[in-house]
Amino acid sequence: MARPALNVPGNVARAVGTMPLRQLARAADIARTALYLASPVLSRHVTGQTVTVAGGMEGRALWTDDDIDEDAIRNRAGYAG
């Protein structure tokens, strides 16, 4: 669903500009978190928590446009093309 929006020049920079990790989420990132929470062994003592999978997004600019390689980020996340 995100691919068309992420192929618009500048959108990747805006999306990752506030993320310390400078990475777009992949489906596997969300799936691993869900798997962790669903596991009676791994999350045995976790109750009533909200787990944010957002790459550290805090809503403030940390990176300049020169710090962000949009094509590399798209490729690493599997959103290229």
Protein backbone atom coordinates (compact mmCIF):
# COMPACT_ATOMS: atom_id res chain seq x y z
CA MET A 1 0.00 0.00 0.00
CA ALA A 2 2.86 2.40 0.75
CA ARG A 3 4.81 1.83 -2.46
CA PRO A 4 3.09 4.53 -4.61
CA ALA A 5 3.49 7.18 -1.91
CA LEU A 6 7.10 6.23 -1.23
CA ASN A 7 7.99 6.59 -4.91
CA VAL A 8 7.06 10.29 -4.82
CA PRO A 9 10.30 12.30 -4.53
CA GLY A 10 10.80 13.62 -1.01
CA ASN A 11 8.30 11.33 0.72
CA VAL A 12 10.92 8.90 2.02
CA ALA A 13 12.95 11.76 3.46
CA ARG A 14 9.85 13.12 5.20
CA ALA A 15 8.93 9.66 6.50
CA VAL A 16 12.35 8.78 7.93
CA GLY A 17 13.46 12.31 8.83
CA THR A 18 12.33 11.82 12.43
CA MET A 19 13.47 8.20 12.83
CA PRO A 20 16.81 7.52 14.51
CA LEU A 21 17.03 4.23 12.58
CA ARG A 22 16.47 5.94 9.18
CA GLN A 23 14.65 2.83 7.96
CA LEU A 24 11.16 2.11 6.68
CA ALA A 25 9.28 -0.66 8.40
CA ARG A 26 8.93 -3.97 6.61
CA ALA A 27 6.10 -6.43 7.10
CA ALA A 28 8.58 -8.69 8.91
CA ASP A 29 9.22 -5.97 11.50
CA ILE A 30 5.55 -5.94 12.44
CA ALA A 31 5.25 -9.74 12.21
CA ARG A 32 8.17 -10.29 14.62
CA THR A 33 6.53 -8.04 17.18
CA ALA A 34 3.21 -9.85 16.82
CA LEU A 35 5.00 -13.20 17.13
CA TYR A 36 6.74 -12.02 20.29
CA LEU A 37 3.47 -10.89 21.85
CA ALA A 38 1.69 -14.10 20.82
CA SER A 39 4.37 -16.32 22.32
CA PRO A 40 3.55 -17.64 25.79
CA VAL A 41 7.29 -18.13 26.35
CA LEU A 42 8.75 -14.86 25.04
CA SER A 43 6.12 -12.52 26.40
CA ARG A 44 5.13 -14.54 29.45
CA HIS A 45 5.28 -11.60 31.81
CA VAL A 46 4.04 -8.87 29.45
CA THR A 47 0.53 -7.60 30.13
CA GLY A 48 -1.44 -4.54 29.12
CA GLN A 49 1.29 -2.90 27.06
CA THR A 50 1.28 -0.90 23.86
CA VAL A 51 4.26 -1.80 21.71
CA THR A 52 5.14 0.85 19.16
CA VAL A 53 6.99 -0.39 16.08
CA ALA A 54 7.93 2.93 14.53
CA GLY A 55 11.69 3.00 14.13
CA GLY A 56 12.01 5.47 16.98
CA MET A 57 9.83 8.09 15.28
CA GLU A 58 9.36 10.94 17.71
CA GLY A 59 7.88 13.58 15.44
CA ARG A 60 10.92 15.84 15.41
CA ALA A 61 13.51 16.28 12.68
CA LEU A 62 16.79 14.54 13.43
CA TRP A 63 18.27 14.20 9.95
CA THR A 64 18.81 16.64 7.14
CA ASP A 65 17.92 15.78 3.56
CA ASP A 66 21.64 15.25 2.87
CA ASP A 67 21.70 12.52 5.53
CA ILE A 68 18.95 10.51 3.83
CA ASP A 69 19.47 8.35 0.73
CA GLU A 70 15.87 7.70 -0.35
CA ASP A 71 16.76 5.05 -2.95
CA ALA A 72 18.88 3.07 -0.49
CA ILE A 73 16.11 3.19 2.11
CA ARG A 74 13.49 2.04 -0.43
CA ASN A 75 15.75 -0.81 -1.57
CA ARG A 76 16.56 -1.97 1.97
CA ALA A 77 12.86 -2.05 2.87
CA GLY A 78 11.86 -3.81 -0.35
CA TYR A 79 9.82 -0.87 -1.66
CA ALA A 80 11.92 -0.22 -4.77
CA GLY A 81 10.15 0.05 -8.08
